[in-house]
Each structure stands twice: as structure tokens, then as C-alpha cells.
């Protein structure tokens, strides 16, 4: 039976995205250099099998770009978050960084494909309902980076934030304290759902076997 090149291409890109999220997650947790993360994937029995099925050039274009240019990626992403970026669940953060990089640097990939692939990864590895948060954020990022494709001339949250800035400013210590408390609540919720690297590998193994 002849190989369907289009299906193979889609599959290789899909595995590359999954590996990129895993690698970015590990980098967030360890702050190891890119080549160390890459070697760690190669040394893992299950992940090394995935590497043989992935478009590794595409993996590198996502993972390495995020690791080595994270400030640039976050500058695009962070304005559309509803909480301090440091309080995000680490899986969600890895998915958002990967997808923001793809939206920014791979215009040949349709906007909807980038968002759908990211949402599906989050459904597999993220907390319950996390994919809805990721979907909403990426819609806003897409509106900023690809307004013609997304059908939005300007991100909704950016419009809202600009309107609020003209009316509301945190001017008192009391207001700052309230904001800090809200951030702490968000942080505690994220920490309660955070996965360790061992937990993540376990989830990867279970989804691979299905």
C-alpha cells in the first residue's frame, strides 16, 4: 500500500509539536540548555521512538526558538494572559509558547491548524478545561499576529485593556494588595494541578499506548 505523503507530513508535524511541548516543559522546569534537553529526549526509550516519527527540523524550529528567544516569544504572548505568566500551569505555558512561536514564525501553517493542534495537545497533557483557556489566549495572539487570517482587526483583550487603562489605574496600596492576593490565588490553583517531569512522562506513555 503506497504511503500517503500528505498524511505522513501531517503526522510528522504533529509528533514534532508534541515533542516540542515536552522539551519546552522540561526546559521550564530545569533551565537546562537546548542540547541537553535534546539529548535527554534521545536517551528516553519512548520519546526516542517518537523522534524517529517526527519532523525533527520542525521540532527544532519550535523548541530551540522558544528556548533561545523566550523573551521575544513572551513579549507577544503575555499581554493576552489573564494572570501573571509565572502563575500559569507549566503545561499550559509550554503549549502557549510553542504555539505563539509557530504563529509568529511559520506563516505557511494556517492559523486554525496551529490553534487546533495546540488545543489537542493541551487536552492530552493539560489540566481539565485548560484547553479552553489555551484556545482563548491563542485566538487573541492570532488576531495580533495574523489579523487577516483570524478575521479580527484587533485582539479583543487588547481593546479592553486599552479602554480600562483610560479609566482605571491602581493608585493605592490597598488596590495593589488586592491584586497581589488575586495573583496568589491563581498561583495556588496552578500549583495544585502542576505536573512533575515524572508525571508528564507517565501521561505521555499512557497516551502513546492508546
Foldseek 3Di string as FASTA:
>chain_A
DDDDVVVLQVQQALLLLLLLLLLQLVCVVPVDASVVSVVVLCPDPVSVVSVVSHPVVNSCLQNVCCSVPVVVLCVLQVLLDPADLVLAASSLSSLLSSLSSCLQPPVVDQLVVSLVSSLVSCVQQNDPPSSVVSSLSSLQSNCVSPVVRSVHVHRPSVVVVVVCVVPDDPDDPVSVVVNVVVNVVSNVVSVVGHDDSVRRVVSVVVVVVD
